[in-house]
Amino acid sequence: MQLPRPVKGYRRIAVIAVLAAASGGILATANSTIASADVINGSSVDALTVPAIAAFNGSLAACWVSNGVLNVTSPGAGRTGPTGIAANGGCSMAGFGGQEYVAWTDPSSGAVDYDTVDQTTGGVIDPISLFGAFSNFAPALASWNNNLYIAWTGTNGKLNVRDITTSFQKSFEASSAAPALNGGPGYLEIAWLGSTNTHLNVAALSSGLSENCKETFANETSALSPGLTTLNGRPYLSWTGQDSLGHINLIADSSASNGCAFPNSSGKIGDAYESVSAPGLSQFNGAVWIIWGGIDKNSTLNITKS
């Protein structure tokens, strides 16, 4: 199913087409490359925000917020560049119905906005505000079960998940940051930080957006949003730790039976990279890809894969 495309009329900006990174183990190399002279590593991301990557039409797309402005890459478009749209807290991307979608929060109104990405120029056209949705953080997008879903932490601190296709919505749990969302095998997976203790939480949601299961990580906390993806039927969860350097951690569900079988600490992969931003995840070409802002003074945007 394809959602209605907004009427064209907003400023168009051309962006980079294809992302590619050096091979190696998950979080094994910082030498990421892109099939263009304009590399992601030459870009920067605002600290404490959420950059994102998503597989679309046989390639990877990316979005991030730099100097308070949304940036988007689109497969088949020209150069990486800003959209001219102000954004707060980062962004999210998902492919759905043959279209590429991006979502963000308007810094002036707090409204949760989303839009399709123009496949000719890579720009975004006439953003749509999600009715009744306001947040201090970035929203999260995911395609699952032939529908497009969006999640956000409301200004009241409650998590919300809405099926954009049908407008069905549920509010539950409490969070202190932006959530992560991903379509898993048989369930919609959501990850978030607790509202007071900042512990990591994951839950598998049914088509009715009820929690089939929930897992809280007693030993893992973060000040930044987590990331989610699924590869070969197994969910993967990423987060930036609260150690002095903000090391990135990545962990896989041990069974993938219900989306709530992550080991609490054993099996964790991390301590290779440090980040000032939330780490975004996506599956692509049989690998887990991760995007993050480095701890250098310009918060250089990095990308690598398993």
C-alpha atoms as a PDB file:
ATOM      1  CA  MET A   1       0.000   0.000   0.000  1.00  0.00           C
ATOM      2  CA  GLN A   2       1.285   3.457  -0.858  1.00  0.00           C
ATOM      3  CA  LEU A   3       0.477   6.486   1.248  1.00  0.00           C
ATOM      4  CA  PRO A   4      -0.729   9.661  -0.487  1.00  0.00           C
ATOM      5  CA  ARG A   5       2.223  11.691  -1.721  1.00  0.00           C
ATOM      6  CA  PRO A   6       2.165  15.346  -0.681  1.00  0.00           C
ATOM      7  CA  VAL A   7       1.768  17.974  -3.354  1.00  0.00           C
ATOM      8  CA  LYS A   8       5.092  19.159  -4.725  1.00  0.00           C
ATOM      9  CA  GLY A   9       6.164  22.677  -4.039  1.00  0.00           C
ATOM     10  CA  TYR A  10       8.945  22.674  -1.489  1.00  0.00           C
ATOM     11  CA  ARG A  11      12.591  23.483  -2.163  1.00  0.00           C
ATOM     12  CA  ARG A  12      14.505  20.606  -3.777  1.00  0.00           C
ATOM     13  CA  ILE A  13      18.112  19.789  -2.999  1.00  0.00           C
ATOM     14  CA  ALA A  14      20.211  17.148  -4.765  1.00  0.00           C
ATOM     15  CA  VAL A  15      22.043  14.607  -2.619  1.00  0.00           C
ATOM     16  CA  ILE A  16      24.472  11.675  -2.805  1.00  0.00           C
ATOM     17  CA  ALA A  17      23.280   8.434  -4.347  1.00  0.00           C
ATOM     18  CA  VAL A  18      25.086   5.414  -2.928  1.00  0.00           C
ATOM     19  CA  LEU A  19      26.693   4.563   0.401  1.00  0.00           C
ATOM     20  CA  ALA A  20      29.289   1.813   0.748  1.00  0.00           C
ATOM     21  CA  ALA A  21      31.609   0.938   3.616  1.00  0.00           C
ATOM     22  CA  ALA A  22      34.720  -1.159   4.199  1.00  0.00           C
ATOM     23  CA  SER A  23      34.178  -4.776   5.174  1.00  0.00           C
ATOM     24  CA  GLY A  24      35.114  -6.273   8.509  1.00  0.00           C
ATOM     25  CA  GLY A  25      33.469  -7.352  11.740  1.00  0.00           C
ATOM     26  CA  ILE A  26      30.649  -5.381  13.295  1.00  0.00           C
ATOM     27  CA  LEU A  27      32.194  -2.216  14.722  1.00  0.00           C
ATOM     28  CA  ALA A  28      35.549  -3.447  13.452  1.00  0.00           C
ATOM     29  CA  THR A  29      36.788  -0.599  11.283  1.00  0.00           C
ATOM     30  CA  ALA A  30      36.545   3.173  11.269  1.00  0.00           C
ATOM     31  CA  ASN A  31      37.755   3.443   7.660  1.00  0.00           C
ATOM     32  CA  SER A  32      34.359   3.910   6.051  1.00  0.00           C
ATOM     33  CA  THR A  33      34.166   4.867   2.395  1.00  0.00           C
ATOM     34  CA  ILE A  34      31.420   6.116   0.110  1.00  0.00           C
ATOM     35  CA  ALA A  35      31.173   5.803  -3.653  1.00  0.00           C
ATOM     36  CA  SER A  36      31.663   9.534  -4.162  1.00  0.00           C
ATOM     37  CA  ALA A  37      34.152  12.266  -3.311  1.00  0.00           C
ATOM     38  CA  ASP A  38      31.524  13.742  -1.000  1.00  0.00           C
ATOM     39  CA  VAL A  39      31.850  11.224   1.799  1.00  0.00           C
ATOM     40  CA  ILE A  40      29.664  10.930   4.849  1.00  0.00           C
ATOM     41  CA  ASN A  41      32.828  11.155   6.931  1.00  0.00           C
ATOM     42  CA  GLY A  42      33.218  14.695   5.602  1.00  0.00           C
ATOM     43  CA  SER A  43      29.853  15.634   7.090  1.00  0.00           C
ATOM     44  CA  SER A  44      28.964  16.383  10.682  1.00  0.00           C
ATOM     45  CA  VAL A  45      26.031  15.576  12.921  1.00  0.00           C
ATOM     46  CA  ASP A  46      24.653  17.554  15.833  1.00  0.00           C
ATOM     47  CA  ALA A  47      25.641  16.057  19.166  1.00  0.00           C
ATOM     48  CA  LEU A  48      22.990  14.221  21.190  1.00  0.00           C
ATOM     49  CA  THR A  49      20.864  13.597  18.095  1.00  0.00           C
ATOM     50  CA  VAL A  50      19.751  10.555  16.092  1.00  0.00           C
ATOM     51  CA  PRO A  51      21.203   9.943  12.596  1.00  0.00           C
ATOM     52  CA  ALA A  52      19.576   7.175  10.556  1.00  0.00           C
ATOM     53  CA  ILE A  53      20.162   4.823   7.620  1.00  0.00           C
ATOM     54  CA  ALA A  54      17.686   2.642   5.725  1.00  0.00           C
ATOM     55  CA  ALA A  55      17.798   0.177   2.854  1.00  0.00           C
ATOM     56  CA  PHE A  56      15.815   1.331  -0.173  1.00  0.00           C
ATOM     57  CA  ASN A  57      15.721   0.213  -3.821  1.00  0.00           C
ATOM     58  CA  GLY A  58      18.916  -1.817  -3.586  1.00  0.00           C
ATOM     59  CA  SER A  59      20.950   0.895  -1.888  1.00  0.00           C
ATOM     60  CA  LEU A  60      21.293   2.728   1.408  1.00  0.00           C
ATOM     61  CA  ALA A  61      19.813   6.110   2.240  1.00  0.00           C
ATOM     62  CA  ALA A  62      20.757   8.260   5.220  1.00  0.00           C
ATOM     63  CA  CYS A  63      19.506  11.268   7.146  1.00  0.00           C
ATOM     64  CA  TRP A  64      21.011  13.379   9.898  1.00  0.00           C
ATOM     65  CA  VAL A  65      20.694  16.818  11.504  1.00  0.00           C
ATOM     66  CA  SER A  66      23.606  19.237  11.220  1.00  0.00           C
ATOM     67  CA  ASN A  67      23.460  22.785  12.601  1.00  0.00           C
ATOM     68  CA  GLY A  68      19.770  22.268  13.220  1.00  0.00           C
ATOM     69  CA  VAL A  69      18.983  21.432   9.574  1.00  0.00           C
ATOM     70  CA  LEU A  70      17.798  18.094   8.172  1.00  0.00           C
ATOM     71  CA  ASN A  71      20.142  16.424   5.664  1.00  0.00           C
ATOM     72  CA  VAL A  72      19.044  13.533   3.440  1.00  0.00           C
ATOM     73  CA  THR A  73      20.742  11.211   0.978  1.00  0.00           C
ATOM     74  CA  SER A  74      18.659   9.384  -1.594  1.00  0.00           C
ATOM     75  CA  PRO A  75      19.611   6.519  -3.936  1.00  0.00           C
ATOM     76  CA  GLY A  76      19.787   7.776  -7.492  1.00  0.00           C
ATOM     77  CA  ALA A  77      20.100  11.448  -6.547  1.00  0.00           C
ATOM     78  CA  GLY A  78      23.076  13.755  -6.899  1.00  0.00           C
ATOM     79  CA  ARG A  79      24.891  15.206  -3.880  1.00  0.00           C
ATOM     80  CA  THR A  80      24.532  15.095  -0.139  1.00  0.00           C
ATOM     81  CA  GLY A  81      23.096  18.310   1.149  1.00  0.00           C
ATOM     82  CA  PRO A  82      20.723  20.017   3.565  1.00  0.00           C
ATOM     83  CA  THR A  83      17.014  20.075   2.835  1.00  0.00           C
ATOM     84  CA  GLY A  84      16.449  23.612   4.096  1.00  0.00           C
ATOM     85  CA  ILE A  85      14.125  22.181   6.770  1.00  0.00           C
ATOM     86  CA  ALA A  86      14.857  22.824  10.442  1.00  0.00           C
ATOM     87  CA  ALA A  87      14.821  19.722  12.633  1.00  0.00           C
ATOM     88  CA  ASN A  88      15.291  18.933  16.297  1.00  0.00           C
ATOM     89  CA  GLY A  89      16.740  15.779  17.804  1.00  0.00           C
ATOM     90  CA  GLY A  90      17.589  13.879  14.638  1.00  0.00           C
ATOM     91  CA  CYS A  91      15.548  11.913  12.112  1.00  0.00           C
ATOM     92  CA  SER A  92      14.440   8.499  10.900  1.00  0.00           C
ATOM     93  CA  MET A  93      14.001   6.807   7.503  1.00  0.00           C
ATOM     94  CA  ALA A  94      12.050   3.872   6.064  1.00  0.00           C
ATOM     95  CA  GLY A  95      11.091   2.514   2.675  1.00  0.00           C
ATOM     96  CA  PHE A  96       7.409   1.797   2.127  1.00  0.00           C
ATOM     97  CA  GLY A  97       5.169   1.254  -0.900  1.00  0.00           C
ATOM     98  CA  GLY A  98       7.932   2.081  -3.370  1.00  0.00           C
ATOM     99  CA  GLN A  99       8.613   5.400  -1.644  1.00  0.00           C
ATOM    100  CA  GLU A 100      11.355   6.541   0.703  1.00  0.00           C
ATOM    101  CA  TYR A 101      10.114   8.287   3.855  1.00  0.00           C
ATOM    102  CA  VAL A 102      11.887  10.536   6.351  1.00  0.00           C
ATOM    103  CA  ALA A 103      10.557  11.813   9.691  1.00  0.00           C
ATOM    104  CA  TRP A 104      11.746  14.537  12.071  1.00  0.00           C
ATOM    105  CA  THR A 105      10.522  17.015  14.713  1.00  0.00           C
ATOM    106  CA  ASP A 106       9.932  20.687  13.983  1.00  0.00           C
ATOM    107  CA  PRO A 107      12.011  22.690  16.502  1.00  0.00           C
ATOM    108  CA  SER A 108       9.649  25.663  16.626  1.00  0.00           C
ATOM    109  CA  SER A 109       6.347  23.855  17.138  1.00  0.00           C
ATOM    110  CA  GLY A 110       7.466  20.430  18.376  1.00  0.00           C
ATOM    111  CA  ALA A 111       5.262  18.865  15.702  1.00  0.00           C
ATOM    112  CA  VAL A 112       6.248  15.422  14.419  1.00  0.00           C
ATOM    113  CA  ASP A 113       6.650  15.732  10.641  1.00  0.00           C
ATOM    114  CA  TYR A 114       7.234  13.234   7.853  1.00  0.00           C
ATOM    115  CA  ASP A 115       7.537  13.265   4.081  1.00  0.00           C
ATOM    116  CA  THR A 116       8.491  11.244   1.038  1.00  0.00           C
ATOM    117  CA  VAL A 117      11.913  11.807  -0.486  1.00  0.00           C
ATOM    118  CA  ASP A 118      11.971  12.952  -4.111  1.00  0.00           C
ATOM    119  CA  GLN A 119      13.782  10.217  -6.040  1.00  0.00           C
ATOM    120  CA  THR A 120      14.957  12.625  -8.733  1.00  0.00           C
ATOM    121  CA  THR A 121      16.566  15.267  -6.549  1.00  0.00           C
ATOM    122  CA  GLY A 122      16.729  13.682  -3.113  1.00  0.00           C
ATOM    123  CA  GLY A 123      14.847  16.618  -1.600  1.00  0.00           C
ATOM    124  CA  VAL A 124      11.780  16.532   0.615  1.00  0.00           C
ATOM    125  CA  ILE A 125       8.571  18.125  -0.602  1.00  0.00           C
ATOM    126  CA  ASP A 126       5.875  19.805   1.535  1.00  0.00           C
ATOM    127  CA  PRO A 127       6.216  18.099   4.948  1.00  0.00           C
ATOM    128  CA  ILE A 128       3.155  16.544   6.584  1.00  0.00           C
ATOM    129  CA  SER A 129       2.579  17.138  10.295  1.00  0.00           C
ATOM    130  CA  LEU A 130       1.297  14.084  12.124  1.00  0.00           C
ATOM    131  CA  PHE A 131      -2.009  15.171  13.657  1.00  0.00           C
ATOM    132  CA  GLY A 132      -1.819  15.557  17.432  1.00  0.00           C
ATOM    133  CA  ALA A 133       1.817  14.405  17.629  1.00  0.00           C
ATOM    134  CA  PHE A 134       4.320  16.622  19.454  1.00  0.00           C
ATOM    135  CA  SER A 135       7.741  15.735  20.833  1.00  0.00           C
ATOM    136  CA  ASN A 136      11.025  17.110  22.104  1.00  0.00           C
ATOM    137  CA  PHE A 137      12.875  14.294  20.346  1.00  0.00           C
ATOM    138  CA  ALA A 138      13.139  12.697  16.921  1.00  0.00           C
ATOM    139  CA  PRO A 139      10.433  10.225  15.833  1.00  0.00           C
ATOM    140  CA  ALA A 140      11.132   6.700  14.524  1.00  0.00           C
ATOM    141  CA  LEU A 141       9.808   5.134  11.304  1.00  0.00           C
ATOM    142  CA  ALA A 142       9.408   1.467  10.336  1.00  0.00           C
ATOM    143  CA  SER A 143       7.685  -0.503   7.614  1.00  0.00           C
ATOM    144  CA  TRP A 144       6.020  -3.674   8.852  1.00  0.00           C
ATOM    145  CA  ASN A 145       3.178  -5.983   7.849  1.00  0.00           C
ATOM    146  CA  ASN A 146       2.349  -3.869   4.758  1.00  0.00           C
ATOM    147  CA  ASN A 147       1.884  -0.728   6.850  1.00  0.00           C
ATOM    148  CA  LEU A 148       4.056   2.264   7.761  1.00  0.00           C
ATOM    149  CA  TYR A 149       4.474   2.941  11.485  1.00  0.00           C
ATOM    150  CA  ILE A 150       5.822   5.918  13.389  1.00  0.00           C
ATOM    151  CA  ALA A 151       6.782   6.144  17.073  1.00  0.00           C
ATOM    152  CA  TRP A 152       7.587   9.156  19.211  1.00  0.00           C
ATOM    153  CA  THR A 153       8.000  10.231  22.821  1.00  0.00           C
ATOM    154  CA  GLY A 154       5.248  12.717  23.554  1.00  0.00           C
ATOM    155  CA  THR A 155       5.762  15.942  25.444  1.00  0.00           C
ATOM    156  CA  ASN A 156       4.113  14.136  28.384  1.00  0.00           C
ATOM    157  CA  GLY A 157       6.919  11.555  28.325  1.00  0.00           C
ATOM    158  CA  LYS A 158       4.727   8.728  27.035  1.00  0.00           C
ATOM    159  CA  LEU A 159       5.692   6.517  24.094  1.00  0.00           C
ATOM    160  CA  ASN A 160       3.285   6.570  21.182  1.00  0.00           C
ATOM    161  CA  VAL A 161       3.079   4.263  18.162  1.00  0.00           C
ATOM    162  CA  ARG A 162       0.797   5.026  15.213  1.00  0.00           C
ATOM    163  CA  ASP A 163       0.041   3.104  12.054  1.00  0.00           C
ATOM    164  CA  ILE A 164       0.199   5.975   9.558  1.00  0.00           C
ATOM    165  CA  THR A 165      -1.622   3.844   6.995  1.00  0.00           C
ATOM    166  CA  THR A 166      -4.731   3.341   9.158  1.00  0.00           C
ATOM    167  CA  SER A 167      -4.216   6.037  11.875  1.00  0.00           C
ATOM    168  CA  PHE A 168      -4.554   3.363  14.600  1.00  0.00           C
ATOM    169  CA  GLN A 169      -2.499   4.453  17.609  1.00  0.00           C
ATOM    170  CA  LYS A 170      -1.550   3.373  21.110  1.00  0.00           C
ATOM    171  CA  SER A 171       0.234   5.166  23.939  1.00  0.00           C
ATOM    172  CA  PHE A 172       2.165   3.246  26.587  1.00  0.00           C
ATOM    173  CA  GLU A 173       5.315   3.216  28.698  1.00  0.00           C
ATOM    174  CA  ALA A 174       7.373   6.279  29.602  1.00  0.00           C
ATOM    175  CA  SER A 175      10.677   7.348  28.069  1.00  0.00           C
ATOM    176  CA  SER A 176      13.384   9.987  28.434  1.00  0.00           C
ATOM    177  CA  ALA A 177      14.536  10.036  24.782  1.00  0.00           C
ATOM    178  CA  ALA A 178      13.539   9.164  21.228  1.00  0.00           C
ATOM    179  CA  PRO A 179      12.477   5.554  20.610  1.00  0.00           C
ATOM    180  CA  ALA A 180      13.742   3.135  17.953  1.00  0.00           C
ATOM    181  CA  LEU A 181      11.344   1.141  15.776  1.00  0.00           C
ATOM    182  CA  ASN A 182      11.812  -1.823  13.449  1.00  0.00           C
ATOM    183  CA  GLY A 183       9.695  -4.379  11.625  1.00  0.00           C
ATOM    184  CA  GLY A 184      10.724  -7.814  12.847  1.00  0.00           C
ATOM    185  CA  PRO A 185       9.738 -11.356  11.858  1.00  0.00           C
ATOM    186  CA  GLY A 186       6.130 -11.498  13.008  1.00  0.00           C
ATOM    187  CA  TYR A 187       6.219  -8.453  15.279  1.00  0.00           C
ATOM    188  CA  LEU A 188       6.946  -4.748  15.408  1.00  0.00           C
ATOM    189  CA  GLU A 189       9.926  -4.113  17.680  1.00  0.00           C
ATOM    190  CA  ILE A 190      10.372  -0.937  19.731  1.00  0.00           C
ATOM    191  CA  ALA A 191      13.297   0.077  21.957  1.00  0.00           C
ATOM    192  CA  TRP A 192      13.512   2.982  24.389  1.00  0.00           C
ATOM    193  CA  LEU A 193      15.157   4.351  27.513  1.00  0.00           C
ATOM    194  CA  GLY A 194      13.314   4.374  30.805  1.00  0.00           C
ATOM    195  CA  SER A 195      11.949   7.697  31.974  1.00  0.00           C
ATOM    196  CA  THR A 196      13.872   7.885  35.247  1.00  0.00           C
ATOM    197  CA  ASN A 197      16.551   5.182  35.359  1.00  0.00           C
ATOM    198  CA  THR A 198      17.655   5.371  31.656  1.00  0.00           C
ATOM    199  CA  HIS A 199      17.780   1.570  31.423  1.00  0.00           C
ATOM    200  CA  LEU A 200      17.346   0.075  27.955  1.00  0.00           C
ATOM    201  CA  ASN A 201      14.023  -1.553  27.177  1.00  0.00           C
ATOM    202  CA  VAL A 202      12.768  -3.519  24.176  1.00  0.00           C
ATOM    203  CA  ALA A 203       9.303  -4.855  23.421  1.00  0.00           C
ATOM    204  CA  ALA A 204       7.705  -6.838  20.610  1.00  0.00           C
ATOM    205  CA  LEU A 205       4.352  -5.408  19.555  1.00  0.00           C
ATOM    206  CA  SER A 206       1.450  -7.197  17.926  1.00  0.00           C
ATOM    207  CA  SER A 207      -0.559  -5.852  15.001  1.00  0.00           C
ATOM    208  CA  GLY A 208      -2.851  -4.349  17.643  1.00  0.00           C
ATOM    209  CA  LEU A 209       0.203  -2.568  19.123  1.00  0.00           C
ATOM    210  CA  SER A 210       0.004  -4.526  22.381  1.00  0.00           C
ATOM    211  CA  GLU A 211       3.189  -5.764  24.056  1.00  0.00           C
ATOM    212  CA  ASN A 212       3.703  -9.458  23.316  1.00  0.00           C
ATOM    213  CA  CYS A 213       6.801  -9.340  25.507  1.00  0.00           C
ATOM    214  CA  LYS A 214       9.122  -6.808  27.122  1.00  0.00           C
ATOM    215  CA  GLU A 215      12.734  -6.963  28.227  1.00  0.00           C
ATOM    216  CA  THR A 216      14.519  -4.470  30.503  1.00  0.00           C
ATOM    217  CA  PHE A 217      18.321  -4.423  30.613  1.00  0.00           C
ATOM    218  CA  ALA A 218      19.268  -4.198  34.264  1.00  0.00           C
ATOM    219  CA  ASN A 219      22.940  -3.490  33.538  1.00  0.00           C
ATOM    220  CA  GLU A 220      22.750  -1.305  30.416  1.00  0.00           C
ATOM    221  CA  THR A 221      21.926   2.394  30.425  1.00  0.00           C
ATOM    222  CA  SER A 222      22.331   5.273  28.016  1.00  0.00           C
ATOM    223  CA  ALA A 223      21.663   8.988  27.749  1.00  0.00           C
ATOM    224  CA  LEU A 224      20.891   8.657  24.024  1.00  0.00           C
ATOM    225  CA  SER A 225      18.327   6.842  21.925  1.00  0.00           C
ATOM    226  CA  PRO A 226      18.898   3.177  20.964  1.00  0.00           C
ATOM    227  CA  GLY A 227      18.906   1.766  17.422  1.00  0.00           C
ATOM    228  CA  LEU A 228      17.155  -1.307  15.990  1.00  0.00           C
ATOM    229  CA  THR A 229      17.300  -3.469  12.889  1.00  0.00           C
ATOM    230  CA  THR A 230      16.664  -7.097  11.860  1.00  0.00           C
ATOM    231  CA  LEU A 231      19.075  -9.303   9.904  1.00  0.00           C
ATOM    232  CA  ASN A 232      18.279 -12.903   8.926  1.00  0.00           C
ATOM    233  CA  GLY A 233      15.306 -12.899  11.287  1.00  0.00           C
ATOM    234  CA  ARG A 234      17.332 -11.746  14.306  1.00  0.00           C
ATOM    235  CA  PRO A 235      16.808  -8.322  15.902  1.00  0.00           C
ATOM    236  CA  TYR A 236      19.888  -6.193  16.627  1.00  0.00           C
ATOM    237  CA  LEU A 237      20.010  -3.428  19.232  1.00  0.00           C
ATOM    238  CA  SER A 238      22.584  -0.622  19.474  1.00  0.00           C
ATOM    239  CA  TRP A 239      23.197   2.091  22.047  1.00  0.00           C
ATOM    240  CA  THR A 240      25.804   4.606  23.208  1.00  0.00           C
ATOM    241  CA  GLY A 241      27.079   3.672  26.646  1.00  0.00           C
ATOM    242  CA  GLN A 242      27.438   6.018  29.586  1.00  0.00           C
ATOM    243  CA  ASP A 243      31.150   5.405  30.064  1.00  0.00           C
ATOM    244  CA  SER A 244      33.472   8.410  29.847  1.00  0.00           C
ATOM    245  CA  LEU A 245      33.991   8.080  26.067  1.00  0.00           C
ATOM    246  CA  GLY A 246      30.490   7.022  25.084  1.00  0.00           C
ATOM    247  CA  HIS A 247      31.374   3.678  23.500  1.00  0.00           C
ATOM    248  CA  ILE A 248      28.923   2.184  21.016  1.00  0.00           C
ATOM    249  CA  ASN A 249      27.457  -1.208  21.873  1.00  0.00           C
ATOM    250  CA  LEU A 250      25.690  -3.700  19.625  1.00  0.00           C
ATOM    251  CA  ILE A 251      23.889  -6.873  20.618  1.00  0.00           C
ATOM    252  CA  ALA A 252      21.812  -9.495  18.798  1.00  0.00           C
ATOM    253  CA  ASP A 253      18.724 -11.323  20.012  1.00  0.00           C
ATOM    254  CA  SER A 254      19.864 -14.801  21.004  1.00  0.00           C
ATOM    255  CA  SER A 255      16.899 -16.682  19.571  1.00  0.00           C
ATOM    256  CA  ALA A 256      14.678 -14.284  17.592  1.00  0.00           C
ATOM    257  CA  SER A 257      11.732 -16.311  18.808  1.00  0.00           C
ATOM    258  CA  ASN A 258       9.786 -13.362  20.141  1.00  0.00           C
ATOM    259  CA  GLY A 259      12.049 -10.285  20.020  1.00  0.00           C
ATOM    260  CA  CYS A 260      12.716 -10.271  23.754  1.00  0.00           C
ATOM    261  CA  ALA A 261      15.612 -12.714  24.052  1.00  0.00           C
ATOM    262  CA  PHE A 262      18.573 -10.332  24.096  1.00  0.00           C
ATOM    263  CA  PRO A 263      21.340 -11.394  26.483  1.00  0.00           C
ATOM    264  CA  ASN A 264      21.611  -8.851  29.279  1.00  0.00           C
ATOM    265  CA  SER A 265      25.349  -8.345  28.857  1.00  0.00           C
ATOM    266  CA  SER A 266      27.084 -11.478  27.562  1.00  0.00           C
ATOM    267  CA  GLY A 267      27.531 -11.427  23.814  1.00  0.00           C
ATOM    268  CA  LYS A 268      27.718  -7.641  23.707  1.00  0.00           C
ATOM    269  CA  ILE A 269      29.952  -6.218  20.990  1.00  0.00           C
ATOM    270  CA  GLY A 270      31.346  -2.777  21.612  1.00  0.00           C
ATOM    271  CA  ASP A 271      34.166  -0.521  22.795  1.00  0.00           C
ATOM    272  CA  ALA A 272      35.480  -0.057  19.249  1.00  0.00           C
ATOM    273  CA  TYR A 273      33.934   3.335  18.504  1.00  0.00           C
ATOM    274  CA  GLU A 274      32.890   6.307  20.586  1.00  0.00           C
ATOM    275  CA  SER A 275      29.940   8.529  19.776  1.00  0.00           C
ATOM    276  CA  VAL A 276      28.284  11.812  20.701  1.00  0.00           C
ATOM    277  CA  SER A 277      25.074  10.751  18.978  1.00  0.00           C
ATOM    278  CA  ALA A 278      22.687   7.845  19.013  1.00  0.00           C
ATOM    279  CA  PRO A 279      23.847   5.013  16.701  1.00  0.00           C
ATOM    280  CA  GLY A 280      21.425   4.300  13.849  1.00  0.00           C
ATOM    281  CA  LEU A 281      21.100   0.782  12.424  1.00  0.00           C
ATOM    282  CA  SER A 282      19.938  -0.840   9.198  1.00  0.00           C
ATOM    283  CA  GLN A 283      20.283  -4.191   7.473  1.00  0.00           C
ATOM    284  CA  PHE A 284      21.549  -4.161   3.905  1.00  0.00           C
ATOM    285  CA  ASN A 285      23.156  -6.744   1.602  1.00  0.00           C
ATOM    286  CA  GLY A 286      23.460  -9.355   4.339  1.00  0.00           C
ATOM    287  CA  ALA A 287      25.141  -7.042   6.834  1.00  0.00           C
ATOM    288  CA  VAL A 288      24.282  -4.801   9.769  1.00  0.00           C
ATOM    289  CA  TRP A 289      25.139  -1.157   9.051  1.00  0.00           C
ATOM    290  CA  ILE A 290      25.642   1.465  11.715  1.00  0.00           C
ATOM    291  CA  ILE A 291      25.825   5.275  11.512  1.00  0.00           C
ATOM    292  CA  TRP A 292      26.981   7.599  14.297  1.00  0.00           C
ATOM    293  CA  GLY A 293      28.580  10.929  15.143  1.00  0.00           C
ATOM    294  CA  GLY A 294      32.206  10.678  16.278  1.00  0.00           C
ATOM    295  CA  ILE A 295      33.609  12.341  19.371  1.00  0.00           C
ATOM    296  CA  ASP A 296      35.848  14.711  17.391  1.00  0.00           C
ATOM    297  CA  LYS A 297      35.126  18.426  17.689  1.00  0.00           C
ATOM    298  CA  ASN A 298      33.059  18.420  14.483  1.00  0.00           C
ATOM    299  CA  SER A 299      31.084  15.293  15.409  1.00  0.00           C
ATOM    300  CA  THR A 300      32.072  13.672  12.108  1.00  0.00           C
ATOM    301  CA  LEU A 301      29.409  11.392  10.695  1.00  0.00           C
ATOM    302  CA  ASN A 302      30.643   7.801  10.367  1.00  0.00           C
ATOM    303  CA  ILE A 303      29.221   4.698   8.759  1.00  0.00           C
ATOM    304  CA  THR A 304      30.411   1.082   8.724  1.00  0.00           C
ATOM    305  CA  LYS A 305      29.035  -2.437   8.330  1.00  0.00           C
ATOM    306  CA  SER A 306      29.505  -6.004   9.514  1.00  0.00           C
END
